[in-house]
Amino acid sequence: MTEQLLIKTLFAMLFGGVFAWMIFDRDPDAAGPDSTRQRYLPYVSGTLLPACLLTLLVMGLVMLGARQTVRVTLSFCFGVFLQICVYYLLLLPLLPLLRRWISARACAVLWMLPNYLYLTQMNYMRLPAPRWVVVAPSGLVRALMVVWLTGFAAVLGGRVCSHLVFRARVLRQAVPVTDPAVLAVWQREVEAARFRKPKFRLVRSPALQTPLSVGLFSRAVRVVLPQRAYSAEELALIFRHELVHIGREDAWNKFFLTFCAAICWFDPLLWVAARRSAEDLELSCDETVLLGADEPTKRRYAELLLNTAGEERGFTTCLSASARALRYRLKSVLAARRKPSGALLVGLVFFLLFMGGGQVALAYGETTGAEAIYAAQPPEQYALRSAETGELICTDEVALHRYLSGLRLVEITGNYSFEPQGRSVSMLLETPQGTLALILSDRYLKRVPLYGEEIQATYFYLPDGADWAALDEILVPRAAPQPGHSTK
């Protein structure tokens, strides 16, 4: 195991342990009745990966320019988005089994784990090299990127607009709740949830058939009741349900799930996964509401779900949406039982997800050594200063330039060190611009111009690999200059 892989493994174990502990620690029953900690806390923030991508775009445009920003963003997106797609497609068929054996909150957290995949792009998490490389023509990559960006913007923009329109329709005729009996139940549930300085408000709207909470930002959150009467017990269950959603920031979680569906809009199974993940958020909420509840309370909650089925759109959290997912929720409510937390499974899944990052890289923009190394200049203007820090001598510099000029190269993207794992040779070339460093290994070429204001390495993938037999005849050990000897 290389040092870099060991570091990544240790960090994966650390983060996996943090997630496992969080499932235990944020169990609503974990804190005693005398605790002052907020009762319902988010397990995973739904904003991390979208915020990281937005920050990358803004900083790239400011610091790197448009062309380099496109390349860095593509490098980031390819690995992370491919991993999200594969992860959800594996999780989707396992979901029925997982729901049966672990807690609903663990199932909900499993959908949110890809939010932390941005960590795999940090420099201290990089691998020496990818396991697989996908080579594509640069023209095709550019065309597909334009199509993908168009679809992504259309899907995400459409969902955001739908959310805003729905929010405006719901709140247009909404009025604050003034009924003292309703407000008394509301205040009791807010205090039981131990929210500190809550900014959300309780309103009533004739535009709804089912209670819901709407709003992403804390000051904009509204818990909305329809124009109908509820008993005090029903109100307690309704408010508890919505306060669980607010405390866990499930509106942002739904935004993240929509974000994932938008980035993989071309895959119909991802749309199915997005719907199933939203169902698990509701099941997790039902599970928390009914912790310690007796059978009559479970039945009343099931009746409440059945009698308040309505509409939800955008990033709202609804007590009871359409009947599509209602059957399973009713069955889960009536047969509710204490299940294993699933904390260890969540930690293990995150470990595997984290370790899988960076295994596949994208390479595009095929070129030759004549362009990438010699910049289309005559090779005669380049002179070999040294190879392997003087340990090798060149028997035929013309043949060396011919070999390097004829290399088939594809610029590779991704967060890798490209430290040679097998055989390699380093060379210093004197060029009209200055000294150029090359490190040639079995499958990669590292090009580092040691001149100019900023030294920046460029990495290339060699689809045909290095021809060591040819190089052994050109570069030979200084102590034994006979052709054909090893360059190790």
Protein backbone atom coordinates (compact mmCIF):
# COMPACT_ATOMS: atom_id res chain seq x y z
CA MET A 1 0.00 0.00 0.00
CA THR A 2 1.37 3.41 -0.96
CA GLU A 3 1.60 6.26 1.53
CA GLN A 4 -1.14 8.18 -0.29
CA LEU A 5 -3.49 5.22 -0.29
CA LEU A 6 -2.79 4.67 3.41
CA ILE A 7 -3.65 8.31 4.17
CA LYS A 8 -6.88 8.07 2.20
CA THR A 9 -7.80 4.83 3.99
CA LEU A 10 -7.23 6.41 7.40
CA PHE A 11 -9.36 9.45 6.51
CA ALA A 12 -12.09 7.18 5.12
CA MET A 13 -12.11 5.22 8.38
CA LEU A 14 -12.22 8.47 10.37
CA PHE A 15 -15.14 9.93 8.44
CA GLY A 16 -16.96 6.59 8.44
CA GLY A 17 -16.58 6.47 12.22
CA VAL A 18 -17.92 10.03 12.50
CA PHE A 19 -21.04 9.10 10.53
CA ALA A 20 -21.58 5.98 12.60
CA TRP A 21 -21.26 7.94 15.83
CA MET A 22 -23.59 10.65 14.51
CA ILE A 23 -26.38 8.08 13.96
CA PHE A 24 -26.01 7.04 17.60
CA ASP A 25 -25.51 10.51 19.05
CA ARG A 26 -28.40 12.20 17.22
CA ASP A 27 -30.98 9.63 18.12
CA PRO A 28 -33.81 11.76 19.60
CA ASP A 29 -33.87 9.40 22.60
CA ALA A 30 -30.11 9.70 23.18
CA ALA A 31 -30.39 12.97 25.10
CA GLY A 32 -32.15 12.79 28.44
CA PRO A 33 -35.15 14.90 29.43
CA ASP A 34 -32.87 17.41 31.19
CA SER A 35 -30.77 18.02 28.07
CA THR A 36 -30.83 21.50 26.55
CA ARG A 37 -29.61 20.34 23.12
CA GLN A 38 -32.01 20.71 20.22
CA ARG A 39 -33.93 17.45 19.92
CA TYR A 40 -33.96 17.10 16.12
CA LEU A 41 -30.63 17.79 14.40
CA PRO A 42 -29.49 17.30 10.78
CA TYR A 43 -27.48 14.16 10.11
CA VAL A 44 -26.00 15.42 6.84
CA SER A 45 -26.05 18.93 5.41
CA GLY A 46 -27.78 19.02 2.04
CA THR A 47 -25.79 22.04 0.85
CA LEU A 48 -22.17 20.85 0.87
CA LEU A 49 -21.65 19.40 -2.61
CA PRO A 50 -23.70 22.06 -4.47
CA ALA A 51 -21.95 24.81 -2.50
CA CYS A 52 -18.54 23.28 -3.22
CA LEU A 53 -19.26 23.15 -6.94
CA LEU A 54 -20.50 26.75 -6.99
CA THR A 55 -17.41 27.90 -5.07
CA LEU A 56 -15.17 26.04 -7.51
CA LEU A 57 -16.80 27.79 -10.47
CA VAL A 58 -16.60 31.27 -8.95
CA MET A 59 -13.02 30.94 -7.70
CA GLY A 60 -11.94 29.37 -10.97
CA LEU A 61 -13.35 32.20 -13.06
CA VAL A 62 -11.69 34.78 -10.81
CA MET A 63 -8.29 33.09 -10.48
CA LEU A 64 -7.82 30.76 -13.45
CA GLY A 65 -9.83 32.10 -16.36
CA ALA A 66 -12.65 30.49 -18.33
CA ARG A 67 -10.65 27.78 -20.16
CA GLN A 68 -8.85 26.43 -17.10
CA THR A 69 -12.03 26.67 -15.03
CA VAL A 70 -13.86 24.46 -17.52
CA ARG A 71 -11.08 21.89 -17.30
CA VAL A 72 -10.91 21.91 -13.49
CA THR A 73 -14.71 21.74 -13.19
CA LEU A 74 -14.90 18.88 -15.67
CA SER A 75 -12.20 17.04 -13.73
CA PHE A 76 -14.18 17.50 -10.50
CA CYS A 77 -17.57 16.68 -11.98
CA PHE A 78 -16.64 13.57 -13.94
CA GLY A 79 -15.41 11.52 -11.01
CA VAL A 80 -17.95 12.74 -8.44
CA PHE A 81 -21.01 12.55 -10.71
CA LEU A 82 -20.05 9.12 -12.04
CA GLN A 83 -19.70 7.90 -8.47
CA ILE A 84 -23.11 9.34 -7.50
CA CYS A 85 -24.75 7.61 -10.44
CA VAL A 86 -23.20 4.22 -9.66
CA TYR A 87 -23.82 4.55 -5.91
CA TYR A 88 -27.53 5.30 -6.27
CA LEU A 89 -28.02 2.52 -8.81
CA LEU A 90 -26.51 0.06 -6.32
CA LEU A 91 -28.46 1.45 -3.37
CA LEU A 92 -31.82 1.41 -5.15
CA PRO A 93 -32.32 -2.41 -5.35
CA LEU A 94 -30.96 -2.86 -1.80
CA LEU A 95 -33.43 -0.44 -0.29
CA PRO A 96 -36.31 -2.88 0.43
CA LEU A 97 -33.94 -5.12 2.40
CA LEU A 98 -32.36 -2.20 4.24
CA ARG A 99 -35.74 -0.78 5.24
CA ARG A 100 -36.62 -4.11 6.80
CA TRP A 101 -33.53 -4.46 8.98
CA ILE A 102 -32.23 -1.01 9.93
CA SER A 103 -33.74 2.23 11.17
CA ALA A 104 -35.45 4.59 8.76
CA ARG A 105 -33.09 7.41 9.73
CA ALA A 106 -30.10 5.31 8.66
CA CYS A 107 -31.79 4.60 5.30
CA ALA A 108 -32.36 8.34 4.86
CA VAL A 109 -28.72 9.12 5.70
CA LEU A 110 -27.50 6.58 3.12
CA TRP A 111 -29.10 8.67 0.37
CA MET A 112 -27.30 11.78 1.60
CA LEU A 113 -23.75 10.39 1.89
CA PRO A 114 -22.66 11.53 -1.62
CA ASN A 115 -22.89 15.10 -0.30
CA TYR A 116 -19.44 14.54 1.18
CA LEU A 117 -17.79 13.28 -2.00
CA TYR A 118 -16.21 16.69 -2.48
CA LEU A 119 -13.70 15.54 0.16
CA THR A 120 -12.26 13.02 -2.31
CA GLN A 121 -11.08 15.96 -4.44
CA MET A 122 -8.89 17.43 -1.71
CA ASN A 123 -5.14 17.21 -2.34
CA TYR A 124 -4.51 15.08 0.74
CA MET A 125 -7.03 12.53 -0.59
CA ARG A 126 -5.55 12.01 -4.02
CA LEU A 127 -4.41 8.66 -5.35
CA PRO A 128 -1.15 7.93 -7.19
CA ALA A 129 -3.12 7.10 -10.37
CA PRO A 130 -6.60 5.97 -11.47
CA ARG A 131 -7.42 2.32 -11.88
CA TRP A 132 -9.30 2.91 -15.15
CA VAL A 133 -9.04 5.70 -17.72
CA VAL A 134 -11.86 6.66 -20.09
CA VAL A 135 -10.42 8.16 -23.29
CA ALA A 136 -12.72 10.33 -25.40
CA PRO A 137 -12.24 12.73 -28.34
CA SER A 138 -12.13 16.35 -27.21
CA GLY A 139 -14.84 17.35 -29.69
CA LEU A 140 -17.20 14.72 -28.30
CA VAL A 141 -16.44 15.77 -24.70
CA ARG A 142 -17.19 19.42 -25.49
CA ALA A 143 -20.43 18.55 -27.28
CA LEU A 144 -21.59 16.26 -24.48
CA MET A 145 -20.68 18.87 -21.89
CA VAL A 146 -22.84 21.47 -23.62
CA VAL A 147 -25.76 19.00 -23.83
CA TRP A 148 -25.31 17.99 -20.20
CA LEU A 149 -25.08 21.59 -18.96
CA THR A 150 -28.21 22.49 -20.91
CA GLY A 151 -30.14 19.58 -19.41
CA PHE A 152 -28.78 20.24 -15.92
CA ALA A 153 -29.72 23.92 -16.04
CA ALA A 154 -33.16 23.13 -17.45
CA VAL A 155 -33.97 20.46 -14.84
CA LEU A 156 -32.59 22.27 -11.79
CA GLY A 157 -33.89 25.64 -12.93
CA GLY A 158 -37.31 24.14 -13.62
CA ARG A 159 -37.47 22.55 -10.18
CA VAL A 160 -36.40 25.77 -8.45
CA CYS A 161 -39.01 27.77 -10.38
CA SER A 162 -41.66 25.16 -9.57
CA HIS A 163 -40.78 25.45 -5.89
CA LEU A 164 -40.99 29.25 -5.95
CA VAL A 165 -44.32 29.24 -7.79
CA PHE A 166 -45.78 26.68 -5.38
CA ARG A 167 -44.49 28.61 -2.38
CA ALA A 168 -46.01 31.84 -3.69
CA ARG A 169 -49.37 30.14 -4.32
CA VAL A 170 -49.44 28.59 -0.84
CA LEU A 171 -48.43 31.75 1.02
CA ARG A 172 -50.36 34.28 -1.07
CA GLN A 173 -53.49 33.88 1.03
CA ALA A 174 -51.79 32.60 4.17
CA VAL A 175 -52.54 34.30 7.48
CA PRO A 176 -50.94 33.81 10.91
CA VAL A 177 -52.69 31.34 13.18
CA THR A 178 -54.41 33.18 16.05
CA ASP A 179 -56.46 30.41 17.65
CA PRO A 180 -55.19 30.18 21.27
CA ALA A 181 -55.84 26.41 21.46
CA VAL A 182 -53.79 25.74 18.32
CA LEU A 183 -51.02 28.10 19.42
CA ALA A 184 -50.84 26.38 22.81
CA VAL A 185 -50.19 22.99 21.16
CA TRP A 186 -47.71 24.62 18.78
CA GLN A 187 -45.76 26.27 21.58
CA ARG A 188 -45.67 23.05 23.59
CA GLU A 189 -44.20 21.07 20.66
CA VAL A 190 -41.65 23.78 19.82
CA GLU A 191 -40.48 23.80 23.44
CA ALA A 192 -40.35 19.98 23.50
CA ALA A 193 -38.13 20.08 20.40
CA ARG A 194 -35.85 22.55 22.24
CA PHE A 195 -35.39 24.97 19.34
CA ARG A 196 -33.35 27.99 20.34
CA LYS A 197 -34.81 31.26 19.04
CA PRO A 198 -36.93 29.64 16.32
CA LYS A 199 -37.44 31.89 13.30
CA PHE A 200 -40.11 29.82 11.56
CA ARG A 201 -43.79 30.81 11.76
CA LEU A 202 -47.14 29.01 11.87
CA VAL A 203 -49.71 30.10 9.28
CA ARG A 204 -52.93 28.82 7.73
CA SER A 205 -53.69 28.77 4.00
CA PRO A 206 -56.81 27.83 1.99
CA ALA A 207 -54.57 26.68 -0.90
CA LEU A 208 -53.65 23.39 0.82
CA GLN A 209 -55.24 20.09 1.69
CA THR A 210 -52.42 18.75 3.86
CA PRO A 211 -50.11 20.38 6.43
CA LEU A 212 -46.58 21.10 5.23
CA SER A 213 -43.54 23.24 5.85
CA VAL A 214 -42.10 25.37 3.08
CA GLY A 215 -38.89 27.40 2.86
CA LEU A 216 -35.16 26.74 2.67
CA PHE A 217 -33.75 29.55 4.79
CA SER A 218 -34.61 29.72 8.48
CA ARG A 219 -36.34 33.10 8.38
CA ALA A 220 -38.39 32.08 5.37
CA VAL A 221 -39.66 28.75 6.78
CA ARG A 222 -43.42 28.55 7.32
CA VAL A 223 -45.41 25.67 8.78
CA VAL A 224 -48.71 25.83 6.92
CA LEU A 225 -52.03 24.36 8.05
CA PRO A 226 -54.99 23.89 5.71
CA GLN A 227 -58.38 25.41 6.44
CA ARG A 228 -59.79 22.58 8.50
CA ALA A 229 -60.17 21.69 12.13
CA TYR A 230 -57.88 19.27 13.96
CA SER A 231 -58.06 17.83 17.44
CA ALA A 232 -55.34 18.73 19.93
CA GLU A 233 -53.80 15.27 19.55
CA GLU A 234 -53.78 15.54 15.76
CA LEU A 235 -52.17 18.97 15.97
CA ALA A 236 -49.45 17.60 18.24
CA LEU A 237 -48.61 14.87 15.73
CA ILE A 238 -48.69 17.32 12.80
CA PHE A 239 -46.44 19.85 14.51
CA ARG A 240 -44.03 17.17 15.71
CA HIS A 241 -43.76 15.82 12.16
CA GLU A 242 -42.99 19.22 10.64
CA LEU A 243 -40.58 20.20 13.42
CA VAL A 244 -38.60 17.00 12.79
CA HIS A 245 -38.31 18.01 9.13
CA ILE A 246 -37.27 21.56 10.03
CA GLY A 247 -34.72 20.44 12.61
CA ARG A 248 -33.15 17.94 10.21
CA GLU A 249 -33.14 20.48 7.36
CA ASP A 250 -35.01 18.07 5.11
CA ALA A 251 -35.92 20.88 2.71
CA TRP A 252 -32.22 21.24 1.91
CA ASN A 253 -31.92 17.46 1.74
CA LYS A 254 -34.66 17.43 -0.90
CA PHE A 255 -32.80 20.16 -2.75
CA PHE A 256 -29.68 17.97 -2.77
CA LEU A 257 -31.64 14.97 -4.05
CA THR A 258 -33.09 17.15 -6.81
CA PHE A 259 -29.55 18.38 -7.55
CA CYS A 260 -28.38 14.76 -7.94
CA ALA A 261 -31.29 13.95 -10.25
CA ALA A 262 -30.48 17.06 -12.30
CA ILE A 263 -26.79 16.22 -12.74
CA CYS A 264 -27.76 12.70 -13.87
CA TRP A 265 -30.88 13.81 -15.77
CA PHE A 266 -30.07 11.46 -18.65
CA ASP A 267 -30.45 8.36 -16.44
CA PRO A 268 -34.13 7.46 -15.78
CA LEU A 269 -33.20 5.21 -12.84
CA LEU A 270 -31.81 8.24 -11.02
CA TRP A 271 -35.28 9.81 -11.12
CA VAL A 272 -36.62 6.67 -9.46
CA ALA A 273 -33.85 6.90 -6.88
CA ALA A 274 -34.74 10.55 -6.17
CA ARG A 275 -38.36 9.59 -5.44
CA ARG A 276 -37.36 6.67 -3.22
CA SER A 277 -34.94 8.85 -1.27
CA ALA A 278 -37.68 11.41 -0.61
CA GLU A 279 -39.84 8.56 0.69
CA ASP A 280 -37.09 7.57 3.13
CA LEU A 281 -36.95 11.11 4.48
CA GLU A 282 -40.66 10.81 5.30
CA LEU A 283 -40.26 7.32 6.77
CA SER A 284 -37.45 8.60 8.96
CA CYS A 285 -39.68 11.42 10.15
CA ASP A 286 -42.57 9.00 10.87
CA GLU A 287 -40.20 6.80 12.86
CA THR A 288 -39.07 9.72 15.00
CA VAL A 289 -42.58 11.05 15.60
CA LEU A 290 -43.72 7.64 16.88
CA LEU A 291 -40.77 6.87 19.15
CA GLY A 292 -42.28 5.46 22.33
CA ALA A 293 -45.85 5.86 21.04
CA ASP A 294 -48.57 3.39 22.07
CA GLU A 295 -50.80 1.51 19.64
CA PRO A 296 -53.75 3.98 19.75
CA THR A 297 -51.38 6.85 18.91
CA LYS A 298 -49.92 4.90 15.97
CA ARG A 299 -53.42 4.25 14.64
CA ARG A 300 -54.43 7.89 14.97
CA TYR A 301 -51.23 8.92 13.16
CA ALA A 302 -51.99 6.42 10.37
CA GLU A 303 -55.53 7.81 10.07
CA LEU A 304 -54.11 11.32 9.95
CA LEU A 305 -51.81 10.35 7.06
CA LEU A 306 -54.71 8.73 5.24
CA ASN A 307 -57.10 11.65 5.71
CA THR A 308 -54.67 14.43 4.78
CA ALA A 309 -53.15 13.12 1.55
CA GLY A 310 -52.47 16.13 -0.63
CA GLU A 311 -50.00 17.90 -2.88
CA GLU A 312 -46.36 18.79 -2.39
CA ARG A 313 -44.01 20.39 -4.86
CA GLY A 314 -40.49 21.73 -4.84
CA PHE A 315 -38.48 21.41 -1.66
CA THR A 316 -41.42 21.24 0.74
CA THR A 317 -41.86 18.67 3.48
CA CYS A 318 -45.42 17.41 3.63
CA LEU A 319 -47.25 15.40 6.29
CA SER A 320 -48.90 13.21 3.68
CA ALA A 321 -48.32 13.55 -0.04
CA SER A 322 -50.03 11.61 -2.80
CA ALA A 323 -51.16 8.02 -2.32
CA ARG A 324 -48.22 6.67 -4.34
CA ALA A 325 -46.03 6.14 -1.27
CA LEU A 326 -48.81 6.13 1.30
CA ARG A 327 -49.33 2.35 1.46
CA TYR A 328 -45.81 1.60 2.66
CA ARG A 329 -45.87 4.47 5.16
CA LEU A 330 -49.15 3.25 6.66
CA LYS A 331 -47.78 -0.28 6.94
CA SER A 332 -44.59 1.00 8.58
CA VAL A 333 -46.53 3.17 11.02
CA LEU A 334 -48.92 0.42 12.13
CA ALA A 335 -46.14 -2.19 12.41
CA ALA A 336 -43.59 0.22 13.87
CA ARG A 337 -40.93 -1.46 15.97
CA ARG A 338 -37.53 -0.54 17.28
CA LYS A 339 -34.91 -1.56 14.70
CA PRO A 340 -31.11 -1.60 14.89
CA SER A 341 -29.78 1.90 14.30
CA GLY A 342 -27.75 0.90 11.22
CA ALA A 343 -24.93 3.19 12.37
CA LEU A 344 -22.16 0.70 11.65
CA LEU A 345 -23.58 -0.01 8.20
CA VAL A 346 -23.69 3.73 7.41
CA GLY A 347 -20.06 4.06 8.48
CA LEU A 348 -19.01 1.08 6.38
CA VAL A 349 -20.90 2.32 3.31
CA PHE A 350 -19.28 5.73 3.57
CA PHE A 351 -15.85 4.08 3.89
CA LEU A 352 -16.43 2.09 0.68
CA LEU A 353 -17.92 5.11 -1.11
CA PHE A 354 -14.97 7.25 -0.10
CA MET A 355 -12.38 4.66 -1.12
CA GLY A 356 -14.09 4.28 -4.50
CA GLY A 357 -13.48 7.93 -5.33
CA GLY A 358 -10.93 8.60 -8.04
CA GLN A 359 -10.77 5.07 -9.41
CA VAL A 360 -11.94 6.25 -12.86
CA ALA A 361 -10.46 9.23 -14.69
CA LEU A 362 -11.35 11.04 -17.91
CA ALA A 363 -8.71 11.75 -20.57
CA TYR A 364 -9.51 13.81 -23.64
CA GLY A 365 -7.81 15.96 -26.22
CA GLU A 366 -5.47 13.51 -27.95
CA THR A 367 -2.20 14.95 -29.16
CA THR A 368 1.36 13.86 -29.90
CA GLY A 369 4.69 14.41 -28.28
CA ALA A 370 5.59 16.75 -31.15
CA GLU A 371 2.84 19.13 -29.95
CA ALA A 372 2.85 18.55 -26.20
CA ILE A 373 6.63 18.34 -25.67
CA TYR A 374 8.17 20.22 -28.57
CA ALA A 375 5.37 22.74 -29.16
CA ALA A 376 5.55 22.03 -32.92
CA GLN A 377 9.13 23.33 -32.97
CA PRO A 378 12.05 21.50 -34.61
CA PRO A 379 13.40 18.85 -32.19
CA GLU A 380 16.92 20.00 -33.11
CA GLN A 381 16.33 23.05 -30.91
CA TYR A 382 15.95 20.76 -27.89
CA ALA A 383 18.94 19.16 -26.16
CA LEU A 384 19.00 16.46 -23.52
CA ARG A 385 20.78 17.78 -20.44
CA SER A 386 20.44 14.66 -18.27
CA ALA A 387 18.43 11.48 -17.75
CA GLU A 388 17.86 9.94 -14.33
CA THR A 389 19.98 12.73 -12.74
CA GLY A 390 22.99 11.75 -14.84
CA GLU A 391 22.81 8.02 -14.23
CA LEU A 392 21.88 7.39 -17.90
CA ILE A 393 23.56 8.55 -21.07
CA CYS A 394 21.95 8.92 -24.48
CA THR A 395 23.44 6.90 -27.33
CA ASP A 396 21.33 8.52 -30.05
CA GLU A 397 19.71 11.87 -29.24
CA VAL A 398 18.00 12.05 -32.65
CA ALA A 399 16.32 8.71 -31.97
CA LEU A 400 15.24 9.95 -28.53
CA HIS A 401 13.62 13.05 -30.01
CA ARG A 402 11.97 10.91 -32.68
CA TYR A 403 10.55 8.59 -30.04
CA LEU A 404 9.27 11.41 -27.83
CA SER A 405 7.77 13.25 -30.82
CA GLY A 406 5.86 10.14 -31.87
CA LEU A 407 4.25 9.46 -28.49
CA ARG A 408 0.44 9.33 -28.56
CA LEU A 409 -0.73 11.40 -25.59
CA VAL A 410 -4.11 12.25 -24.08
CA GLU A 411 -4.30 14.92 -21.39
CA ILE A 412 -5.79 13.36 -18.27
CA THR A 413 -8.02 14.99 -15.66
CA GLY A 414 -8.47 14.18 -11.99
CA ASN A 415 -6.89 14.65 -8.59
CA TYR A 416 -3.83 12.35 -8.75
CA SER A 417 -0.15 12.62 -7.90
CA PHE A 418 0.87 10.33 -10.80
CA GLU A 419 3.85 9.13 -8.84
CA PRO A 420 5.40 6.28 -10.84
CA GLN A 421 4.35 2.87 -9.54
CA GLY A 422 6.44 0.82 -11.96
CA ARG A 423 9.34 1.67 -14.19
CA SER A 424 10.05 5.31 -14.99
CA VAL A 425 12.71 7.63 -16.35
CA SER A 426 13.13 11.37 -15.76
CA MET A 427 14.73 13.72 -18.28
CA LEU A 428 15.74 17.37 -18.45
CA LEU A 429 15.58 19.05 -21.86
CA GLU A 430 17.06 22.43 -22.74
CA THR A 431 14.53 24.31 -24.91
CA PRO A 432 14.46 27.78 -26.51
CA GLN A 433 12.21 28.87 -23.60
CA GLY A 434 14.19 27.23 -20.79
CA THR A 435 14.53 23.89 -19.02
CA LEU A 436 11.74 21.34 -19.49
CA ALA A 437 11.36 18.37 -17.10
CA LEU A 438 9.77 15.11 -18.28
CA ILE A 439 8.93 12.04 -16.23
CA LEU A 440 7.91 9.07 -18.36
CA SER A 441 6.37 6.01 -16.69
CA ASP A 442 4.52 2.94 -17.95
CA ARG A 443 1.26 4.77 -18.67
CA TYR A 444 1.81 8.46 -17.90
CA LEU A 445 3.95 11.41 -18.90
CA LYS A 446 4.48 14.37 -16.59
CA ARG A 447 5.55 17.60 -18.30
CA VAL A 448 6.90 20.43 -16.10
CA PRO A 449 8.25 23.62 -17.72
CA LEU A 450 10.81 25.04 -15.27
CA TYR A 451 10.50 28.55 -16.66
CA GLY A 452 7.98 31.34 -16.59
CA GLU A 453 6.28 32.99 -13.64
CA GLU A 454 4.32 29.92 -12.55
CA ILE A 455 5.53 26.32 -12.70
CA GLN A 456 2.57 24.07 -13.48
CA ALA A 457 2.69 20.38 -14.34
CA THR A 458 0.63 18.79 -17.10
CA TYR A 459 -0.17 15.08 -17.07
CA PHE A 460 -0.78 12.87 -20.09
CA TYR A 461 -2.06 9.34 -20.43
CA LEU A 462 -0.23 6.99 -22.82
CA PRO A 463 -2.84 4.72 -24.46
CA ASP A 464 -0.06 2.63 -26.02
CA GLY A 465 2.18 2.62 -22.96
CA ALA A 466 5.90 3.29 -22.90
CA ASP A 467 8.17 1.29 -25.24
CA TRP A 468 10.95 0.35 -22.82
CA ALA A 469 12.66 -1.89 -25.35
CA ALA A 470 13.22 1.11 -27.62
CA LEU A 471 14.30 3.33 -24.73
CA ASP A 472 16.77 0.70 -23.48
CA GLU A 473 18.67 1.08 -26.74
CA ILE A 474 18.71 4.89 -26.49
CA LEU A 475 19.28 5.49 -22.78
CA VAL A 476 21.85 3.23 -21.14
CA PRO A 477 23.55 3.20 -17.72
CA ARG A 478 26.65 5.36 -17.56
CA ALA A 479 28.66 2.59 -15.93
CA ALA A 480 27.81 0.07 -18.65
CA PRO A 481 27.02 1.88 -21.91
CA GLN A 482 26.24 -1.28 -23.91
CA PRO A 483 22.83 -1.06 -25.69
CA GLY A 484 20.08 -3.30 -24.38
CA HIS A 485 20.85 -3.01 -20.67
CA SER A 486 18.16 -2.16 -18.11
CA THR A 487 17.52 1.44 -17.20
CA LYS A 488 16.49 0.60 -13.66
